[in-house]
PDB file of N, CA and C in Angstrom:
ATOM      1  N   MET A   1      85.298 -32.177 -55.070  1.00  0.00           N
ATOM      2  CA  MET A   1      85.842 -30.832 -55.070  1.00  0.00           C
ATOM      3  C   MET A   1      86.900 -30.727 -56.159  1.00  0.00           C
ATOM      4  N   ASN A   2      86.842 -29.668 -56.881  1.00  0.00           N
ATOM      5  CA  ASN A   2      87.842 -29.434 -57.910  1.00  0.00           C
ATOM      6  C   ASN A   2      88.898 -28.501 -57.331  1.00  0.00           C
ATOM      7  N   TRP A   3      89.999 -29.068 -56.866  1.00  0.00           N
ATOM      8  CA  TRP A   3      91.033 -28.302 -56.166  1.00  0.00           C
ATOM      9  C   TRP A   3      91.559 -27.123 -56.965  1.00  0.00           C
ATOM     10  N   PRO A   4      91.981 -27.296 -58.212  1.00  0.00           N
ATOM     11  CA  PRO A   4      92.537 -26.144 -58.933  1.00  0.00           C
ATOM     12  C   PRO A   4      91.573 -24.975 -59.031  1.00  0.00           C
ATOM     13  N   GLN A   5      90.292 -25.218 -59.251  1.00  0.00           N
ATOM     14  CA  GLN A   5      89.347 -24.115 -59.321  1.00  0.00           C
ATOM     15  C   GLN A   5      89.224 -23.417 -57.974  1.00  0.00           C
ATOM     16  N   THR A   6      89.236 -24.173 -56.873  1.00  0.00           N
ATOM     17  CA  THR A   6      89.168 -23.577 -55.546  1.00  0.00           C
ATOM     18  C   THR A   6      90.393 -22.719 -55.302  1.00  0.00           C
ATOM     19  N   ALA A   7      91.581 -23.236 -55.602  1.00  0.00           N
ATOM     20  CA  ALA A   7      92.808 -22.463 -55.414  1.00  0.00           C
ATOM     21  C   ALA A   7      92.777 -21.219 -56.285  1.00  0.00           C
ATOM     22  N   ASP A   8      92.274 -21.343 -57.489  1.00  0.00           N
ATOM     23  CA  ASP A   8      92.230 -20.230 -58.424  1.00  0.00           C
ATOM     24  C   ASP A   8      91.299 -19.132 -57.900  1.00  0.00           C
ATOM     25  N   ARG A   9      90.177 -19.500 -57.355  1.00  0.00           N
ATOM     26  CA  ARG A   9      89.197 -18.529 -56.862  1.00  0.00           C
ATOM     27  C   ARG A   9      89.671 -17.816 -55.603  1.00  0.00           C
ATOM     28  N   GLU A  10      90.325 -18.530 -54.699  1.00  0.00           N
ATOM     29  CA  GLU A  10      90.630 -17.984 -53.383  1.00  0.00           C
ATOM     30  C   GLU A  10      92.018 -17.375 -53.266  1.00  0.00           C
ATOM     31  N   THR A  11      92.850 -17.495 -54.262  1.00  0.00           N
ATOM     32  CA  THR A  11      94.202 -16.947 -54.214  1.00  0.00           C
ATOM     33  C   THR A  11      94.313 -15.849 -55.261  1.00  0.00           C
ATOM     34  N   THR A  12      94.458 -14.603 -54.793  1.00  0.00           N
ATOM     35  CA  THR A  12      94.474 -13.478 -55.721  1.00  0.00           C
ATOM     36  C   THR A  12      95.864 -13.160 -56.264  1.00  0.00           C
ATOM     37  N   ASP A  13      96.929 -13.563 -55.575  1.00  0.00           N
ATOM     38  CA  ASP A  13      98.293 -13.312 -56.046  1.00  0.00           C
ATOM     39  C   ASP A  13      98.599 -14.274 -57.196  1.00  0.00           C
ATOM     40  N   PRO A  14      98.854 -13.771 -58.409  1.00  0.00           N
ATOM     41  CA  PRO A  14      99.057 -14.648 -59.571  1.00  0.00           C
ATOM     42  C   PRO A  14     100.223 -15.632 -59.418  1.00  0.00           C
ATOM     43  N   ALA A  15     101.340 -15.198 -58.846  1.00  0.00           N
ATOM     44  CA  ALA A  15     102.492 -16.095 -58.685  1.00  0.00           C
ATOM     45  C   ALA A  15     102.177 -17.198 -57.686  1.00  0.00           C
ATOM     46  N   LEU A  16     101.545 -16.828 -56.581  1.00  0.00           N
ATOM     47  CA  LEU A  16     101.174 -17.825 -55.578  1.00  0.00           C
ATOM     48  C   LEU A  16     100.123 -18.775 -56.133  1.00  0.00           C
ATOM     49  N   ARG A  17      99.191 -18.236 -56.901  1.00  0.00           N
ATOM     50  CA  ARG A  17      98.153 -19.078 -57.509  1.00  0.00           C
ATOM     51  C   ARG A  17      98.781 -20.139 -58.411  1.00  0.00           C
ATOM     52  N   MET A  18      99.746 -19.752 -59.229  1.00  0.00           N
ATOM     53  CA  MET A  18     100.398 -20.717 -60.123  1.00  0.00           C
ATOM     54  C   MET A  18     101.161 -21.773 -59.320  1.00  0.00           C
ATOM     55  N   LYS A  19     101.815 -21.353 -58.250  1.00  0.00           N
ATOM     56  CA  LYS A  19     102.545 -22.288 -57.409  1.00  0.00           C
ATOM     57  C   LYS A  19     101.583 -23.297 -56.774  1.00  0.00           C
ATOM     58  N   LEU A  20     100.458 -22.807 -56.265  1.00  0.00           N
ATOM     59  CA  LEU A  20      99.458 -23.700 -55.664  1.00  0.00           C
ATOM     60  C   LEU A  20      98.886 -24.669 -56.691  1.00  0.00           C
ATOM     61  N   LEU A  21      98.600 -24.166 -57.872  1.00  0.00           N
ATOM     62  CA  LEU A  21      98.046 -25.033 -58.918  1.00  0.00           C
ATOM     63  C   LEU A  21      99.034 -26.131 -59.302  1.00  0.00           C
ATOM     64  N   ARG A  22     100.325 -25.800 -59.358  1.00  0.00           N
ATOM     65  CA  ARG A  22     101.330 -26.837 -59.654  1.00  0.00           C
ATOM     66  C   ARG A  22     101.369 -27.886 -58.548  1.00  0.00           C
ATOM     67  N   LEU A  23     101.328 -27.437 -57.290  1.00  0.00           N
ATOM     68  CA  LEU A  23     101.343 -28.374 -56.165  1.00  0.00           C
ATOM     69  C   LEU A  23     100.089 -29.248 -56.151  1.00  0.00           C
ATOM     70  N   LEU A  24      98.942 -28.619 -56.366  1.00  0.00           N
ATOM     71  CA  LEU A  24      97.692 -29.373 -56.342  1.00  0.00           C
ATOM     72  C   LEU A  24      97.580 -30.350 -57.498  1.00  0.00           C
ATOM     73  N   GLY A  25      98.279 -30.071 -58.575  1.00  0.00           N
ATOM     74  CA  GLY A  25      98.287 -30.992 -59.703  1.00  0.00           C
ATOM     75  C   GLY A  25      98.921 -32.327 -59.343  1.00  0.00           C
ATOM     76  N   LYS A  26      99.706 -32.345 -58.279  1.00  0.00           N
ATOM     77  CA  LYS A  26     100.373 -33.570 -57.832  1.00  0.00           C
ATOM     78  C   LYS A  26      99.577 -34.318 -56.765  1.00  0.00           C
ATOM     79  N   VAL A  27      98.509 -33.699 -56.275  1.00  0.00           N
ATOM     80  CA  VAL A  27      97.692 -34.322 -55.233  1.00  0.00           C
ATOM     81  C   VAL A  27      96.891 -35.464 -55.830  1.00  0.00           C
ATOM     82  N   ARG A  28      96.940 -36.583 -55.163  1.00  0.00           N
ATOM     83  CA  ARG A  28      96.198 -37.753 -55.625  1.00  0.00           C
ATOM     84  C   ARG A  28      94.992 -37.964 -54.723  1.00  0.00           C
ATOM     85  N   GLN A  29      93.841 -38.116 -55.303  1.00  0.00           N
ATOM     86  CA  GLN A  29      92.625 -38.344 -54.536  1.00  0.00           C
ATOM     87  C   GLN A  29      92.242 -39.818 -54.641  1.00  0.00           C
ATOM     88  N   PHE A  30      91.770 -40.357 -53.527  1.00  0.00           N
ATOM     89  CA  PHE A  30      91.345 -41.753 -53.487  1.00  0.00           C
ATOM     90  C   PHE A  30      89.865 -41.804 -53.127  1.00  0.00           C
ATOM     91  N   PRO A  31      89.093 -42.610 -53.826  1.00  0.00           N
ATOM     92  CA  PRO A  31      87.677 -42.734 -53.467  1.00  0.00           C
ATOM     93  C   PRO A  31      87.534 -43.507 -52.153  1.00  0.00           C
ATOM     94  N   LEU A  32      86.521 -43.164 -51.400  1.00  0.00           N
ATOM     95  CA  LEU A  32      86.214 -43.870 -50.171  1.00  0.00           C
ATOM     96  C   LEU A  32      85.661 -45.247 -50.533  1.00  0.00           C
ATOM     97  N   THR A  33      86.236 -46.291 -49.941  1.00  0.00           N
ATOM     98  CA  THR A  33      85.829 -47.661 -50.279  1.00  0.00           C
ATOM     99  C   THR A  33      85.169 -48.332 -49.075  1.00  0.00           C
ATOM    100  N   GLU A  34      84.533 -49.439 -49.355  1.00  0.00           N
ATOM    101  CA  GLU A  34      83.928 -50.227 -48.277  1.00  0.00           C
ATOM    102  C   GLU A  34      85.006 -50.731 -47.321  1.00  0.00           C
ATOM    103  N   ALA A  35      86.164 -51.108 -47.843  1.00  0.00           N
ATOM    104  CA  ALA A  35      87.271 -51.556 -46.978  1.00  0.00           C
ATOM    105  C   ALA A  35      87.698 -50.449 -46.019  1.00  0.00           C
ATOM    106  N   MET A  36      87.728 -49.209 -46.497  1.00  0.00           N
ATOM    107  CA  MET A  36      88.077 -48.079 -45.627  1.00  0.00           C
ATOM    108  C   MET A  36      87.028 -47.906 -44.537  1.00  0.00           C
ATOM    109  N   ARG A  37      85.771 -48.051 -44.906  1.00  0.00           N
ATOM    110  CA  ARG A  37      84.695 -47.951 -43.909  1.00  0.00           C
ATOM    111  C   ARG A  37      84.822 -49.068 -42.865  1.00  0.00           C
ATOM    112  N   GLN A  38      85.178 -50.264 -43.321  1.00  0.00           N
ATOM    113  CA  GLN A  38      85.322 -51.389 -42.392  1.00  0.00           C
ATOM    114  C   GLN A  38      86.471 -51.159 -41.418  1.00  0.00           C
ATOM    115  N   VAL A  39      87.599 -50.680 -41.905  1.00  0.00           N
ATOM    116  CA  VAL A  39      88.742 -50.422 -41.018  1.00  0.00           C
ATOM    117  C   VAL A  39      88.386 -49.294 -40.045  1.00  0.00           C
ATOM    118  N   ALA A  40      87.727 -48.259 -40.527  1.00  0.00           N
ATOM    119  CA  ALA A  40      87.290 -47.182 -39.636  1.00  0.00           C
ATOM    120  C   ALA A  40      86.363 -47.743 -38.556  1.00  0.00           C
ATOM    121  N   GLY A  41      85.486 -48.667 -38.947  1.00  0.00           N
ATOM    122  CA  GLY A  41      84.603 -49.328 -37.985  1.00  0.00           C
ATOM    123  C   GLY A  41      85.385 -50.118 -36.942  1.00  0.00           C
ATOM    124  N   GLU A  42      86.475 -50.738 -37.374  1.00  0.00           N
ATOM    125  CA  GLU A  42      87.345 -51.458 -36.435  1.00  0.00           C
ATOM    126  C   GLU A  42      87.951 -50.492 -35.413  1.00  0.00           C
ATOM    127  N   TYR A  43      88.358 -49.313 -35.881  1.00  0.00           N
ATOM    128  CA  TYR A  43      88.905 -48.306 -34.964  1.00  0.00           C
ATOM    129  C   TYR A  43      87.843 -47.868 -33.949  1.00  0.00           C
ATOM    130  N   LEU A  44      86.609 -47.695 -34.420  1.00  0.00           N
ATOM    131  CA  LEU A  44      85.533 -47.323 -33.506  1.00  0.00           C
ATOM    132  C   LEU A  44      85.241 -48.448 -32.519  1.00  0.00           C
ATOM    133  N   ALA A  45      85.169 -49.677 -33.023  1.00  0.00           N
ATOM    134  CA  ALA A  45      84.878 -50.822 -32.161  1.00  0.00           C
ATOM    135  C   ALA A  45      85.944 -51.005 -31.089  1.00  0.00           C
ATOM    136  N   ALA A  46      87.175 -50.660 -31.420  1.00  0.00           N
ATOM    137  CA  ALA A  46      88.278 -50.794 -30.462  1.00  0.00           C
ATOM    138  C   ALA A  46      88.343 -49.609 -29.501  1.00  0.00           C
ATOM    139  N   GLY A  47      87.484 -48.622 -29.686  1.00  0.00           N
ATOM    140  CA  GLY A  47      87.472 -47.458 -28.807  1.00  0.00           C
ATOM    141  C   GLY A  47      88.569 -46.443 -29.100  1.00  0.00           C
ATOM    142  N   ILE A  48      89.201 -46.581 -30.251  1.00  0.00           N
ATOM    143  CA  ILE A  48      90.269 -45.643 -30.622  1.00  0.00           C
ATOM    144  C   ILE A  48      89.664 -44.290 -30.987  1.00  0.00           C
ATOM    145  N   PHE A  49      88.543 -44.318 -31.683  1.00  0.00           N
ATOM    146  CA  PHE A  49      87.790 -43.124 -32.025  1.00  0.00           C
ATOM    147  C   PHE A  49      86.358 -43.310 -31.544  1.00  0.00           C
ATOM    148  N   SER A  50      85.707 -42.213 -31.212  1.00  0.00           N
ATOM    149  CA  SER A  50      84.287 -42.277 -30.861  1.00  0.00           C
ATOM    150  C   SER A  50      83.466 -42.158 -32.148  1.00  0.00           C
ATOM    151  N   PRO A  51      82.187 -42.515 -32.094  1.00  0.00           N
ATOM    152  CA  PRO A  51      81.353 -42.367 -33.295  1.00  0.00           C
ATOM    153  C   PRO A  51      81.345 -40.937 -33.840  1.00  0.00           C
ATOM    154  N   ALA A  52      81.476 -39.949 -32.976  1.00  0.00           N
ATOM    155  CA  ALA A  52      81.519 -38.549 -33.424  1.00  0.00           C
ATOM    156  C   ALA A  52      82.792 -38.243 -34.212  1.00  0.00           C
ATOM    157  N   GLN A  53      83.792 -39.109 -34.106  1.00  0.00           N
ATOM    158  CA  GLN A  53      85.074 -38.909 -34.791  1.00  0.00           C
ATOM    159  C   GLN A  53      85.216 -39.805 -36.013  1.00  0.00           C
ATOM    160  N   ILE A  54      84.097 -40.195 -36.599  1.00  0.00           N
ATOM    161  CA  ILE A  54      84.130 -41.121 -37.728  1.00  0.00           C
ATOM    162  C   ILE A  54      84.962 -40.576 -38.886  1.00  0.00           C
ATOM    163  N   ASN A  55      84.918 -39.272 -39.142  1.00  0.00           N
ATOM    164  CA  ASN A  55      85.704 -38.724 -40.250  1.00  0.00           C
ATOM    165  C   ASN A  55      87.203 -38.877 -39.996  1.00  0.00           C
ATOM    166  N   ASP A  56      87.623 -38.719 -38.746  1.00  0.00           N
ATOM    167  CA  ASP A  56      89.037 -38.932 -38.417  1.00  0.00           C
ATOM    168  C   ASP A  56      89.408 -40.401 -38.617  1.00  0.00           C
ATOM    169  N   ALA A  57      88.530 -41.295 -38.196  1.00  0.00           N
ATOM    170  CA  ALA A  57      88.781 -42.727 -38.372  1.00  0.00           C
ATOM    171  C   ALA A  57      88.860 -43.086 -39.856  1.00  0.00           C
ATOM    172  N   LEU A  58      87.979 -42.515 -40.665  1.00  0.00           N
ATOM    173  CA  LEU A  58      88.008 -42.754 -42.110  1.00  0.00           C
ATOM    174  C   LEU A  58      89.276 -42.196 -42.741  1.00  0.00           C
ATOM    175  N   HIS A  59      89.708 -41.044 -42.261  1.00  0.00           N
ATOM    176  CA  HIS A  59      90.929 -40.421 -42.784  1.00  0.00           C
ATOM    177  C   HIS A  59      92.127 -41.341 -42.551  1.00  0.00           C
ATOM    178  N   VAL A  60      92.237 -41.875 -41.343  1.00  0.00           N
ATOM    179  CA  VAL A  60      93.345 -42.781 -41.032  1.00  0.00           C
ATOM    180  C   VAL A  60      93.213 -44.070 -41.834  1.00  0.00           C
ATOM    181  N   ALA A  61      92.018 -44.636 -41.879  1.00  0.00           N
ATOM    182  CA  ALA A  61      91.807 -45.876 -42.630  1.00  0.00           C
ATOM    183  C   ALA A  61      92.167 -45.700 -44.098  1.00  0.00           C
ATOM    184  N   ALA A  62      91.772 -44.569 -44.680  1.00  0.00           N
ATOM    185  CA  ALA A  62      92.099 -44.306 -46.086  1.00  0.00           C
ATOM    186  C   ALA A  62      93.603 -44.218 -46.280  1.00  0.00           C
ATOM    187  N   ALA A  63      94.290 -43.542 -45.377  1.00  0.00           N
ATOM    188  CA  ALA A  63      95.749 -43.412 -45.486  1.00  0.00           C
ATOM    189  C   ALA A  63      96.427 -44.780 -45.354  1.00  0.00           C
ATOM    190  N   VAL A  64      95.942 -45.581 -44.418  1.00  0.00           N
ATOM    191  CA  VAL A  64      96.537 -46.915 -44.210  1.00  0.00           C
ATOM    192  C   VAL A  64      96.297 -47.811 -45.422  1.00  0.00           C
ATOM    193  N   LEU A  65      95.076 -47.865 -45.896  1.00  0.00           N
ATOM    194  CA  LEU A  65      94.744 -48.785 -46.989  1.00  0.00           C
ATOM    195  C   LEU A  65      95.303 -48.355 -48.340  1.00  0.00           C
ATOM    196  N   THR A  66      95.634 -47.083 -48.483  1.00  0.00           N
ATOM    197  CA  THR A  66      96.273 -46.630 -49.720  1.00  0.00           C
ATOM    198  C   THR A  66      97.795 -46.615 -49.559  1.00  0.00           C
ATOM    199  N   ARG A  67      98.239 -47.223 -48.484  1.00  0.00           N
ATOM    200  CA  ARG A  67      99.671 -47.441 -48.226  1.00  0.00           C
ATOM    201  C   ARG A  67     100.496 -46.146 -48.142  1.00  0.00           C
ATOM    202  N   GLN A  68      99.914 -45.150 -47.467  1.00  0.00           N
ATOM    203  CA  GLN A  68     100.667 -43.926 -47.212  1.00  0.00           C
ATOM    204  C   GLN A  68     101.601 -44.188 -46.030  1.00  0.00           C
ATOM    205  N   ASP A  69     102.816 -43.696 -46.094  1.00  0.00           N
ATOM    206  CA  ASP A  69     103.762 -43.877 -44.996  1.00  0.00           C
ATOM    207  C   ASP A  69     103.480 -42.927 -43.844  1.00  0.00           C
ATOM    208  N   VAL A  70     103.007 -41.734 -44.182  1.00  0.00           N
ATOM    209  CA  VAL A  70     102.814 -40.684 -43.192  1.00  0.00           C
ATOM    210  C   VAL A  70     101.487 -39.979 -43.445  1.00  0.00           C
ATOM    211  N   LEU A  71     100.787 -39.669 -42.370  1.00  0.00           N
ATOM    212  CA  LEU A  71      99.602 -38.822 -42.404  1.00  0.00           C
ATOM    213  C   LEU A  71      99.976 -37.558 -41.644  1.00  0.00           C
ATOM    214  N   VAL A  72      99.920 -36.411 -42.310  1.00  0.00           N
ATOM    215  CA  VAL A  72     100.293 -35.139 -41.692  1.00  0.00           C
ATOM    216  C   VAL A  72      99.023 -34.381 -41.346  1.00  0.00           C
ATOM    217  N   SER A  73      98.937 -33.913 -40.098  1.00  0.00           N
ATOM    218  CA  SER A  73      97.715 -33.247 -39.655  1.00  0.00           C
ATOM    219  C   SER A  73      98.019 -32.213 -38.581  1.00  0.00           C
ATOM    220  N   TRP A  74      97.202 -31.167 -38.559  1.00  0.00           N
ATOM    221  CA  TRP A  74      97.240 -30.193 -37.470  1.00  0.00           C
ATOM    222  C   TRP A  74      96.251 -30.604 -36.378  1.00  0.00           C
ATOM    223  N   ASN A  75      95.559 -31.709 -36.543  1.00  0.00           N
ATOM    224  CA  ASN A  75      94.532 -32.135 -35.590  1.00  0.00           C
ATOM    225  C   ASN A  75      95.192 -32.814 -34.388  1.00  0.00           C
ATOM    226  N   PHE A  76      95.652 -32.006 -33.447  1.00  0.00           N
ATOM    227  CA  PHE A  76      96.367 -32.534 -32.283  1.00  0.00           C
ATOM    228  C   PHE A  76      95.448 -33.285 -31.329  1.00  0.00           C
ATOM    229  N   LYS A  77      94.204 -32.912 -31.258  1.00  0.00           N
ATOM    230  CA  LYS A  77      93.282 -33.555 -30.322  1.00  0.00           C
ATOM    231  C   LYS A  77      92.936 -34.980 -30.747  1.00  0.00           C
ATOM    232  N   HIS A  78      92.689 -35.192 -32.036  1.00  0.00           N
ATOM    233  CA  HIS A  78      92.193 -36.493 -32.476  1.00  0.00           C
ATOM    234  C   HIS A  78      93.186 -37.345 -33.254  1.00  0.00           C
ATOM    235  N   LEU A  79      94.174 -36.738 -33.891  1.00  0.00           N
ATOM    236  CA  LEU A  79      95.074 -37.536 -34.730  1.00  0.00           C
ATOM    237  C   LEU A  79      96.518 -37.498 -34.262  1.00  0.00           C
ATOM    238  N   VAL A  80      97.069 -36.318 -34.107  1.00  0.00           N
ATOM    239  CA  VAL A  80      98.480 -36.199 -33.709  1.00  0.00           C
ATOM    240  C   VAL A  80      98.520 -36.287 -32.183  1.00  0.00           C
ATOM    241  N   ASN A  81      98.285 -37.485 -31.718  1.00  0.00           N
ATOM    242  CA  ASN A  81      98.125 -37.752 -30.293  1.00  0.00           C
ATOM    243  C   ASN A  81      98.872 -39.062 -30.019  1.00  0.00           C
ATOM    244  N   ARG A  82      99.867 -39.011 -29.160  1.00  0.00           N
ATOM    245  CA  ARG A  82     100.750 -40.157 -28.956  1.00  0.00           C
ATOM    246  C   ARG A  82     100.000 -41.447 -28.618  1.00  0.00           C
ATOM    247  N   LEU A  83      99.076 -41.391 -27.671  1.00  0.00           N
ATOM    248  CA  LEU A  83      98.339 -42.596 -27.272  1.00  0.00           C
ATOM    249  C   LEU A  83      97.467 -43.113 -28.414  1.00  0.00           C
ATOM    250  N   ARG A  84      96.804 -42.208 -29.106  1.00  0.00           N
ATOM    251  CA  ARG A  84      95.942 -42.640 -30.217  1.00  0.00           C
ATOM    252  C   ARG A  84      96.776 -43.253 -31.335  1.00  0.00           C
ATOM    253  N   ARG A  85      97.935 -42.659 -31.639  1.00  0.00           N
ATOM    254  CA  ARG A  85      98.812 -43.229 -32.677  1.00  0.00           C
ATOM    255  C   ARG A  85      99.218 -44.653 -32.308  1.00  0.00           C
ATOM    256  N   LEU A  86      99.552 -44.854 -31.055  1.00  0.00           N
ATOM    257  CA  LEU A  86      99.938 -46.193 -30.587  1.00  0.00           C
ATOM    258  C   LEU A  86      98.786 -47.181 -30.759  1.00  0.00           C
ATOM    259  N   LYS A  87      97.591 -46.777 -30.348  1.00  0.00           N
ATOM    260  CA  LYS A  87      96.426 -47.658 -30.458  1.00  0.00           C
ATOM    261  C   LYS A  87      96.081 -47.965 -31.920  1.00  0.00           C
ATOM    262  N   ILE A  88      96.191 -46.958 -32.786  1.00  0.00           N
ATOM    263  CA  ILE A  88      95.912 -47.173 -34.218  1.00  0.00           C
ATOM    264  C   ILE A  88      96.865 -48.222 -34.768  1.00  0.00           C
ATOM    265  N   ASN A  89      98.141 -48.083 -34.475  1.00  0.00           N
ATOM    266  CA  ASN A  89      99.125 -49.021 -35.020  1.00  0.00           C
ATOM    267  C   ASN A  89      99.008 -50.400 -34.394  1.00  0.00           C
ATOM    268  N   GLU A  90      98.646 -50.488 -33.125  1.00  0.00           N
ATOM    269  CA  GLU A  90      98.392 -51.800 -32.516  1.00  0.00           C
ATOM    270  C   GLU A  90      97.234 -52.488 -33.224  1.00  0.00           C
ATOM    271  N   ARG A  91      96.167 -51.733 -33.476  1.00  0.00           N
ATOM    272  CA  ARG A  91      94.997 -52.306 -34.157  1.00  0.00           C
ATOM    273  C   ARG A  91      95.354 -52.702 -35.592  1.00  0.00           C
ATOM    274  N   ASN A  92      96.136 -51.855 -36.269  1.00  0.00           N
ATOM    275  CA  ASN A  92      96.536 -52.193 -37.631  1.00  0.00           C
ATOM    276  C   ASN A  92      97.306 -53.504 -37.663  1.00  0.00           C
ATOM    277  N   VAL A  93      98.246 -53.677 -36.747  1.00  0.00           N
ATOM    278  CA  VAL A  93      99.038 -54.918 -36.699  1.00  0.00           C
ATOM    279  C   VAL A  93      98.110 -56.105 -36.450  1.00  0.00           C
ATOM    280  N   SER A  94      97.154 -55.948 -35.537  1.00  0.00           N
ATOM    281  CA  SER A  94      96.232 -57.058 -35.250  1.00  0.00           C
ATOM    282  C   SER A  94      95.367 -57.410 -36.445  1.00  0.00           C
ATOM    283  N   LEU A  95      95.149 -56.451 -37.342  1.00  0.00           N
ATOM    284  CA  LEU A  95      94.347 -56.683 -38.550  1.00  0.00           C
ATOM    285  C   LEU A  95      95.203 -57.065 -39.752  1.00  0.00           C
ATOM    286  N   GLY A  96      96.519 -57.141 -39.547  1.00  0.00           N
ATOM    287  CA  GLY A  96      97.415 -57.468 -40.653  1.00  0.00           C
ATOM    288  C   GLY A  96      97.646 -56.301 -41.596  1.00  0.00           C
ATOM    289  N   LEU A  97      97.443 -55.097 -41.108  1.00  0.00           N
ATOM    290  CA  LEU A  97      97.615 -53.892 -41.920  1.00  0.00           C
ATOM    291  C   LEU A  97      98.939 -53.218 -41.575  1.00  0.00           C
ATOM    292  N   PRO A  98      99.430 -52.371 -42.457  1.00  0.00           N
ATOM    293  CA  PRO A  98     100.679 -51.658 -42.156  1.00  0.00           C
ATOM    294  C   PRO A  98     100.462 -50.603 -41.075  1.00  0.00           C
ATOM    295  N   THR A  99     101.527 -50.261 -40.400  1.00  0.00           N
ATOM    296  CA  THR A  99     101.471 -49.160 -39.452  1.00  0.00           C
ATOM    297  C   THR A  99     101.623 -47.851 -40.218  1.00  0.00           C
ATOM    298  N   ILE A 100     101.330 -46.758 -39.539  1.00  0.00           N
ATOM    299  CA  ILE A 100     101.419 -45.438 -40.174  1.00  0.00           C
ATOM    300  C   ILE A 100     101.957 -44.429 -39.173  1.00  0.00           C
ATOM    301  N   GLU A 101     102.757 -43.512 -39.662  1.00  0.00           N
ATOM    302  CA  GLU A 101     103.219 -42.392 -38.854  1.00  0.00           C
ATOM    303  C   GLU A 101     102.176 -41.282 -38.974  1.00  0.00           C
ATOM    304  N   ILE A 102     101.756 -40.725 -37.859  1.00  0.00           N
ATOM    305  CA  ILE A 102     100.848 -39.587 -37.873  1.00  0.00           C
ATOM    306  C   ILE A 102     101.602 -38.437 -37.224  1.00  0.00           C
ATOM    307  N   LEU A 103     101.914 -37.431 -38.028  1.00  0.00           N
ATOM    308  CA  LEU A 103     102.803 -36.362 -37.597  1.00  0.00           C
ATOM    309  C   LEU A 103     102.177 -34.991 -37.791  1.00  0.00           C
ATOM    310  N   ALA A 104     102.659 -34.041 -37.007  1.00  0.00           N
ATOM    311  CA  ALA A 104     102.304 -32.627 -37.197  1.00  0.00           C
ATOM    312  C   ALA A 104     103.241 -32.057 -38.276  1.00  0.00           C
ATOM    313  N   PRO A 105     102.796 -31.064 -39.010  1.00  0.00           N
ATOM    314  CA  PRO A 105     103.649 -30.482 -40.060  1.00  0.00           C
ATOM    315  C   PRO A 105     105.069 -30.117 -39.613  1.00  0.00           C
ATOM    316  N   PRO A 106     105.275 -29.564 -38.414  1.00  0.00           N
ATOM    317  CA  PRO A 106     106.659 -29.246 -38.022  1.00  0.00           C
ATOM    318  C   PRO A 106     107.545 -30.485 -37.874  1.00  0.00           C
ATOM    319  N   GLU A 107     106.949 -31.660 -37.725  1.00  0.00           N
ATOM    320  CA  GLU A 107     107.723 -32.884 -37.571  1.00  0.00           C
ATOM    321  C   GLU A 107     108.202 -33.450 -38.908  1.00  0.00           C
ATOM    322  N   VAL A 108     107.636 -32.952 -39.998  1.00  0.00           N
ATOM    323  CA  VAL A 108     107.968 -33.499 -41.317  1.00  0.00           C
ATOM    324  C   VAL A 108     109.279 -32.901 -41.818  1.00  0.00           C
TER     325      VAL A 108
END
C-alpha cells in the first residue's frame, strides 16, 4: 500500500492532507518475515490467539521482533486485553524475546 497516495485521495482538506502526508512520511514499514510467522505460531500454539486471530498474532510478533516498545491499538477484544497482554509477555520471556506494552490510544 502506498500510504501517501491513499491519504492524498481520501483527504479533501488541503491543510489536513499535508499534515497527514508529513506524518505518514515518518511511518516505517517492515516486511513480514519467517521469524515473525514462527513467533505468531508460538502464540497460537500457546493458546494466546486462535487460528482465526492469526493477523493479530502476526501484528504482535512483528512489533516484538522489530523491537517496538509499544503497540497501540483500538482492538480491545484481541489486543488491548489485560490477560492476553500478560500471556504474550510470558510467552515472549520464555522464548527469550523482549516484552511489549500493548496500549489503547488514550493510554499513550
